[in-house]
């Protein structure tokens, strides 16, 4: 994976974890676990999806949708 893409994913991940903590009152470990085990995160890691170019609010909406289905 290109290091620029990796950097974008890491930045988004930090934002998404903070948003999970704030929205769902999760601990840091719980929020990280939810993110890293989500389908949304697998899409972020997929270079073909281009999701890593989107803003954190947009990606968080996708993640919230996924979490509401579980």
PDB file of N, CA and C in Angstrom:
ATOM      1  N   UNK A   1       0.846  -1.181   0.000  1.00  0.00           N
ATOM      2  CA  UNK A   1       0.000   0.000   0.000  1.00  0.00           C
ATOM      3  C   UNK A   1       0.887   1.238   0.000  1.00  0.00           C
ATOM      4  N   UNK A   2       0.536   2.177  -0.804  1.00  0.00           N
ATOM      5  CA  UNK A   2       1.208   3.459  -0.912  1.00  0.00           C
ATOM      6  C   UNK A   2       1.194   4.168   0.451  1.00  0.00           C
ATOM      7  N   UNK A   3       2.329   4.775   0.848  1.00  0.00           N
ATOM      8  CA  UNK A   3       2.389   5.387   2.180  1.00  0.00           C
ATOM      9  C   UNK A   3       1.490   6.613   2.309  1.00  0.00           C
ATOM     10  N   UNK A   4       1.174   7.303   1.210  1.00  0.00           N
ATOM     11  CA  UNK A   4       0.228   8.422   1.271  1.00  0.00           C
ATOM     12  C   UNK A   4      -1.174   7.918   1.595  1.00  0.00           C
ATOM     13  N   UNK A   5      -1.559   6.812   0.972  1.00  0.00           N
ATOM     14  CA  UNK A   5      -2.869   6.216   1.240  1.00  0.00           C
ATOM     15  C   UNK A   5      -2.917   5.715   2.681  1.00  0.00           C
ATOM     16  N   UNK A   6      -1.847   5.078   3.111  1.00  0.00           N
ATOM     17  CA  UNK A   6      -1.769   4.588   4.495  1.00  0.00           C
ATOM     18  C   UNK A   6      -1.931   5.748   5.478  1.00  0.00           C
ATOM     19  N   UNK A   7      -1.298   6.871   5.188  1.00  0.00           N
ATOM     20  CA  UNK A   7      -1.413   8.060   6.038  1.00  0.00           C
ATOM     21  C   UNK A   7      -2.857   8.551   6.087  1.00  0.00           C
ATOM     22  N   UNK A   8      -3.515   8.616   4.944  1.00  0.00           N
ATOM     23  CA  UNK A   8      -4.917   9.051   4.901  1.00  0.00           C
ATOM     24  C   UNK A   8      -5.814   8.133   5.728  1.00  0.00           C
ATOM     25  N   UNK A   9      -5.578   6.844   5.620  1.00  0.00           N
ATOM     26  CA  UNK A   9      -6.371   5.873   6.378  1.00  0.00           C
ATOM     27  C   UNK A   9      -6.143   6.048   7.880  1.00  0.00           C
ATOM     28  N   UNK A  10      -4.893   6.247   8.268  1.00  0.00           N
ATOM     29  CA  UNK A  10      -4.588   6.444   9.688  1.00  0.00           C
ATOM     30  C   UNK A  10      -5.257   7.711  10.230  1.00  0.00           C
ATOM     31  N   UNK A  11      -5.225   8.783   9.455  1.00  0.00           N
ATOM     32  CA  UNK A  11      -5.863  10.037   9.884  1.00  0.00           C
ATOM     33  C   UNK A  11      -7.372   9.860  10.020  1.00  0.00           C
ATOM     34  N   UNK A  12      -7.974   9.208   9.033  1.00  0.00           N
ATOM     35  CA  UNK A  12      -9.413   8.937   9.098  1.00  0.00           C
ATOM     36  C   UNK A  12      -9.740   8.051  10.290  1.00  0.00           C
ATOM     37  N   UNK A  13      -8.918   7.064  10.537  1.00  0.00           N
ATOM     38  CA  UNK A  13      -9.158   6.149  11.652  1.00  0.00           C
ATOM     39  C   UNK A  13      -9.165   6.896  12.978  1.00  0.00           C
ATOM     40  N   UNK A  14      -8.232   7.802  13.164  1.00  0.00           N
ATOM     41  CA  UNK A  14      -8.199   8.602  14.392  1.00  0.00           C
ATOM     42  C   UNK A  14      -9.497   9.385  14.557  1.00  0.00           C
ATOM     43  N   UNK A  15      -9.938  10.027  13.491  1.00  0.00           N
ATOM     44  CA  UNK A  15     -11.183  10.796  13.537  1.00  0.00           C
ATOM     45  C   UNK A  15     -12.374   9.892  13.830  1.00  0.00           C
ATOM     46  N   UNK A  16     -12.432   8.760  13.156  1.00  0.00           N
ATOM     47  CA  UNK A  16     -13.565   7.847  13.318  1.00  0.00           C
ATOM     48  C   UNK A  16     -13.635   7.274  14.729  1.00  0.00           C
ATOM     49  N   UNK A  17     -12.497   6.943  15.294  1.00  0.00           N
ATOM     50  CA  UNK A  17     -12.474   6.435  16.667  1.00  0.00           C
ATOM     51  C   UNK A  17     -12.955   7.517  17.628  1.00  0.00           C
ATOM     52  N   UNK A  18     -12.501   8.739  17.436  1.00  0.00           N
ATOM     53  CA  UNK A  18     -12.962   9.844  18.297  1.00  0.00           C
ATOM     54  C   UNK A  18     -14.471  10.046  18.157  1.00  0.00           C
ATOM     55  N   UNK A  19     -14.986   9.948  16.939  1.00  0.00           N
ATOM     56  CA  UNK A  19     -16.416  10.108  16.716  1.00  0.00           C
ATOM     57  C   UNK A  19     -17.210   8.972  17.357  1.00  0.00           C
ATOM     58  N   UNK A  20     -16.684   7.754  17.289  1.00  0.00           N
ATOM     59  CA  UNK A  20     -17.347   6.620  17.942  1.00  0.00           C
ATOM     60  C   UNK A  20     -17.401   6.816  19.453  1.00  0.00           C
ATOM     61  N   UNK A  21     -16.306   7.268  20.023  1.00  0.00           N
ATOM     62  CA  UNK A  21     -16.247   7.514  21.471  1.00  0.00           C
ATOM     63  C   UNK A  21     -17.290   8.555  21.865  1.00  0.00           C
ATOM     64  N   UNK A  22     -17.340   9.639  21.115  1.00  0.00           N
ATOM     65  CA  UNK A  22     -18.258  10.732  21.440  1.00  0.00           C
ATOM     66  C   UNK A  22     -19.721  10.339  21.216  1.00  0.00           C
ATOM     67  N   UNK A  23     -20.005   9.667  20.116  1.00  0.00           N
ATOM     68  CA  UNK A  23     -21.385   9.349  19.748  1.00  0.00           C
ATOM     69  C   UNK A  23     -21.974   8.219  20.577  1.00  0.00           C
ATOM     70  N   UNK A  24     -21.162   7.184  20.825  1.00  0.00           N
ATOM     71  CA  UNK A  24     -21.671   5.985  21.489  1.00  0.00           C
ATOM     72  C   UNK A  24     -21.151   5.796  22.915  1.00  0.00           C
ATOM     73  N   UNK A  25     -20.410   6.772  23.443  1.00  0.00           N
ATOM     74  CA  UNK A  25     -19.851   6.713  24.795  1.00  0.00           C
ATOM     75  C   UNK A  25     -19.052   5.412  25.006  1.00  0.00           C
ATOM     76  N   UNK A  26     -18.206   5.101  24.036  1.00  0.00           N
ATOM     77  CA  UNK A  26     -17.370   3.907  24.108  1.00  0.00           C
ATOM     78  C   UNK A  26     -16.005   4.250  24.681  1.00  0.00           C
ATOM     79  N   UNK A  27     -15.338   3.240  25.189  1.00  0.00           N
ATOM     80  CA  UNK A  27     -13.946   3.428  25.594  1.00  0.00           C
ATOM     81  C   UNK A  27     -13.095   3.450  24.323  1.00  0.00           C
ATOM     82  N   UNK A  28     -11.863   3.845  24.458  1.00  0.00           N
ATOM     83  CA  UNK A  28     -10.951   3.865  23.324  1.00  0.00           C
ATOM     84  C   UNK A  28     -10.807   2.467  22.719  1.00  0.00           C
ATOM     85  N   UNK A  29     -10.638   1.470  23.574  1.00  0.00           N
ATOM     86  CA  UNK A  29     -10.487   0.091  23.086  1.00  0.00           C
ATOM     87  C   UNK A  29     -11.741  -0.394  22.371  1.00  0.00           C
ATOM     88  N   UNK A  30     -12.905  -0.100  22.928  1.00  0.00           N
ATOM     89  CA  UNK A  30     -14.160  -0.522  22.297  1.00  0.00           C
ATOM     90  C   UNK A  30     -14.337   0.139  20.934  1.00  0.00           C
ATOM     91  N   UNK A  31     -14.048   1.429  20.871  1.00  0.00           N
ATOM     92  CA  UNK A  31     -14.207   2.170  19.617  1.00  0.00           C
ATOM     93  C   UNK A  31     -13.241   1.647  18.557  1.00  0.00           C
ATOM     94  N   UNK A  32     -11.996   1.425  18.945  1.00  0.00           N
ATOM     95  CA  UNK A  32     -11.005   0.896  18.004  1.00  0.00           C
ATOM     96  C   UNK A  32     -11.420  -0.487  17.515  1.00  0.00           C
ATOM     97  N   UNK A  33     -11.910  -1.319  18.425  1.00  0.00           N
ATOM     98  CA  UNK A  33     -12.358  -2.663  18.059  1.00  0.00           C
ATOM     99  C   UNK A  33     -13.518  -2.596  17.064  1.00  0.00           C
ATOM    100  N   UNK A  34     -14.475  -1.726  17.318  1.00  0.00           N
ATOM    101  CA  UNK A  34     -15.620  -1.575  16.396  1.00  0.00           C
ATOM    102  C   UNK A  34     -15.146  -1.136  15.013  1.00  0.00           C
ATOM    103  N   UNK A  35     -14.258  -0.162  14.973  1.00  0.00           N
ATOM    104  CA  UNK A  35     -13.781   0.329  13.689  1.00  0.00           C
ATOM    105  C   UNK A  35     -12.986  -0.732  12.942  1.00  0.00           C
ATOM    106  N   UNK A  36     -11.952  -1.271  13.591  1.00  0.00           N
ATOM    107  CA  UNK A  36     -11.031  -2.170  12.898  1.00  0.00           C
ATOM    108  C   UNK A  36     -11.658  -3.497  12.501  1.00  0.00           C
ATOM    109  N   UNK A  37     -12.780  -3.854  13.114  1.00  0.00           N
ATOM    110  CA  UNK A  37     -13.476  -5.088  12.762  1.00  0.00           C
ATOM    111  C   UNK A  37     -14.697  -4.838  11.878  1.00  0.00           C
ATOM    112  N   UNK A  38     -14.822  -3.633  11.365  1.00  0.00           N
ATOM    113  CA  UNK A  38     -15.992  -3.288  10.554  1.00  0.00           C
ATOM    114  C   UNK A  38     -15.734  -3.497   9.059  1.00  0.00           C
ATOM    115  N   UNK A  39     -16.816  -3.671   8.350  1.00  0.00           N
ATOM    116  CA  UNK A  39     -16.750  -3.744   6.881  1.00  0.00           C
ATOM    117  C   UNK A  39     -16.286  -2.397   6.319  1.00  0.00           C
ATOM    118  N   UNK A  40     -16.700  -1.326   6.970  1.00  0.00           N
ATOM    119  CA  UNK A  40     -16.305   0.017   6.534  1.00  0.00           C
ATOM    120  C   UNK A  40     -14.785   0.150   6.534  1.00  0.00           C
ATOM    121  N   UNK A  41     -14.134  -0.365   7.574  1.00  0.00           N
ATOM    122  CA  UNK A  41     -12.674  -0.279   7.629  1.00  0.00           C
ATOM    123  C   UNK A  41     -12.033  -1.101   6.522  1.00  0.00           C
ATOM    124  N   UNK A  42     -12.616  -2.259   6.218  1.00  0.00           N
ATOM    125  CA  UNK A  42     -12.056  -3.059   5.126  1.00  0.00           C
ATOM    126  C   UNK A  42     -12.185  -2.312   3.801  1.00  0.00           C
ATOM    127  N   UNK A  43     -13.257  -1.535   3.645  1.00  0.00           N
ATOM    128  CA  UNK A  43     -13.389  -0.697   2.448  1.00  0.00           C
ATOM    129  C   UNK A  43     -12.348   0.419   2.432  1.00  0.00           C
ATOM    130  N   UNK A  44     -12.066   0.983   3.611  1.00  0.00           N
ATOM    131  CA  UNK A  44     -11.034   2.028   3.700  1.00  0.00           C
ATOM    132  C   UNK A  44      -9.680   1.485   3.244  1.00  0.00           C
ATOM    133  N   UNK A  45      -9.383   0.259   3.626  1.00  0.00           N
ATOM    134  CA  UNK A  45      -8.097  -0.342   3.280  1.00  0.00           C
ATOM    135  C   UNK A  45      -8.014  -0.780   1.823  1.00  0.00           C
ATOM    136  N   UNK A  46      -9.147  -0.885   1.159  1.00  0.00           N
ATOM    137  CA  UNK A  46      -9.181  -1.310  -0.235  1.00  0.00           C
ATOM    138  C   UNK A  46      -8.905  -0.107  -1.133  1.00  0.00           C
ATOM    139  N   UNK A  47      -7.753  -0.102  -1.765  1.00  0.00           N
ATOM    140  CA  UNK A  47      -7.371   1.026  -2.616  1.00  0.00           C
ATOM    141  C   UNK A  47      -8.364   1.254  -3.752  1.00  0.00           C
ATOM    142  N   UNK A  48      -8.997   0.189  -4.227  1.00  0.00           N
ATOM    143  CA  UNK A  48      -9.952   0.303  -5.334  1.00  0.00           C
ATOM    144  C   UNK A  48     -11.206   1.085  -4.944  1.00  0.00           C
ATOM    145  N   UNK A  49     -11.565   1.053  -3.655  1.00  0.00           N
ATOM    146  CA  UNK A  49     -12.802   1.719  -3.216  1.00  0.00           C
ATOM    147  C   UNK A  49     -12.673   3.240  -3.242  1.00  0.00           C
ATOM    148  N   UNK A  50     -11.478   3.752  -2.988  1.00  0.00           N
ATOM    149  CA  UNK A  50     -11.275   5.196  -2.938  1.00  0.00           C
ATOM    150  C   UNK A  50     -11.914   5.857  -1.731  1.00  0.00           C
ATOM    151  N   UNK A  51     -12.436   5.062  -0.791  1.00  0.00           N
ATOM    152  CA  UNK A  51     -13.123   5.621   0.378  1.00  0.00           C
ATOM    153  C   UNK A  51     -12.179   6.469   1.234  1.00  0.00           C
ATOM    154  N   UNK A  52     -10.907   6.151   1.211  1.00  0.00           N
ATOM    155  CA  UNK A  52      -9.928   6.895   2.011  1.00  0.00           C
ATOM    156  C   UNK A  52      -9.801   8.351   1.567  1.00  0.00           C
ATOM    157  N   UNK A  53     -10.309   8.697   0.380  1.00  0.00           N
ATOM    158  CA  UNK A  53     -10.287  10.083  -0.085  1.00  0.00           C
ATOM    159  C   UNK A  53     -11.462  10.907   0.444  1.00  0.00           C
ATOM    160  N   UNK A  54     -12.424  10.248   1.038  1.00  0.00           N
ATOM    161  CA  UNK A  54     -13.614  10.939   1.524  1.00  0.00           C
ATOM    162  C   UNK A  54     -13.352  11.560   2.898  1.00  0.00           C
ATOM    163  N   UNK A  55     -14.204  12.464   3.285  1.00  0.00           N
ATOM    164  CA  UNK A  55     -14.085  13.104   4.591  1.00  0.00           C
ATOM    165  C   UNK A  55     -14.537  12.189   5.712  1.00  0.00           C
ATOM    166  N   UNK A  56     -14.093  12.497   6.908  1.00  0.00           N
ATOM    167  CA  UNK A  56     -14.395  11.639   8.052  1.00  0.00           C
ATOM    168  C   UNK A  56     -15.888  11.611   8.380  1.00  0.00           C
ATOM    169  N   UNK A  57     -16.598  12.714   8.190  1.00  0.00           N
ATOM    170  CA  UNK A  57     -18.035  12.732   8.474  1.00  0.00           C
ATOM    171  C   UNK A  57     -18.776  11.799   7.520  1.00  0.00           C
ATOM    172  N   UNK A  58     -18.401  11.819   6.252  1.00  0.00           N
ATOM    173  CA  UNK A  58     -19.011  10.942   5.257  1.00  0.00           C
ATOM    174  C   UNK A  58     -18.757   9.474   5.605  1.00  0.00           C
ATOM    175  N   UNK A  59     -17.519   9.144   5.931  1.00  0.00           N
ATOM    176  CA  UNK A  59     -17.167   7.764   6.261  1.00  0.00           C
ATOM    177  C   UNK A  59     -17.854   7.349   7.566  1.00  0.00           C
ATOM    178  N   UNK A  60     -17.966   8.279   8.513  1.00  0.00           N
ATOM    179  CA  UNK A  60     -18.636   7.965   9.773  1.00  0.00           C
ATOM    180  C   UNK A  60     -20.107   7.646   9.544  1.00  0.00           C
ATOM    181  N   UNK A  61     -20.745   8.343   8.626  1.00  0.00           N
ATOM    182  CA  UNK A  61     -22.136   8.028   8.292  1.00  0.00           C
ATOM    183  C   UNK A  61     -22.271   6.595   7.789  1.00  0.00           C
ATOM    184  N   UNK A  62     -21.326   6.165   6.975  1.00  0.00           N
ATOM    185  CA  UNK A  62     -21.330   4.786   6.469  1.00  0.00           C
ATOM    186  C   UNK A  62     -21.130   3.810   7.631  1.00  0.00           C
ATOM    187  N   UNK A  63     -20.198   4.133   8.513  1.00  0.00           N
ATOM    188  CA  UNK A  63     -19.920   3.271   9.664  1.00  0.00           C
ATOM    189  C   UNK A  63     -21.129   3.199  10.593  1.00  0.00           C
ATOM    190  N   UNK A  64     -21.768   4.330  10.859  1.00  0.00           N
ATOM    191  CA  UNK A  64     -22.969   4.338  11.717  1.00  0.00           C
ATOM    192  C   UNK A  64     -24.073   3.480  11.131  1.00  0.00           C
ATOM    193  N   UNK A  65     -24.239   3.574   9.807  1.00  0.00           N
ATOM    194  CA  UNK A  65     -25.240   2.751   9.130  1.00  0.00           C
ATOM    195  C   UNK A  65     -24.925   1.268   9.342  1.00  0.00           C
ATOM    196  N   UNK A  66     -23.667   0.917   9.174  1.00  0.00           N
ATOM    197  CA  UNK A  66     -23.267  -0.478   9.371  1.00  0.00           C
ATOM    198  C   UNK A  66     -23.515  -0.922  10.807  1.00  0.00           C
ATOM    199  N   UNK A  67     -23.148  -0.093  11.757  1.00  0.00           N
ATOM    200  CA  UNK A  67     -23.303  -0.464  13.172  1.00  0.00           C
ATOM    201  C   UNK A  67     -24.765  -0.571  13.575  1.00  0.00           C
ATOM    202  N   UNK A  68     -25.621   0.201  12.946  1.00  0.00           N
ATOM    203  CA  UNK A  68     -27.050   0.142  13.287  1.00  0.00           C
ATOM    204  C   UNK A  68     -27.682  -1.151  12.784  1.00  0.00           C
ATOM    205  N   UNK A  69     -27.066  -1.803  11.823  1.00  0.00           N
ATOM    206  CA  UNK A  69     -27.580  -3.053  11.287  1.00  0.00           C
ATOM    207  C   UNK A  69     -27.182  -4.244  12.157  1.00  0.00           C
ATOM    208  N   UNK A  70     -26.174  -4.041  13.001  1.00  0.00           N
ATOM    209  CA  UNK A  70     -25.684  -5.139  13.853  1.00  0.00           C
ATOM    210  C   UNK A  70     -26.451  -5.218  15.142  1.00  0.00           C
TER     211      UNK A  70
END
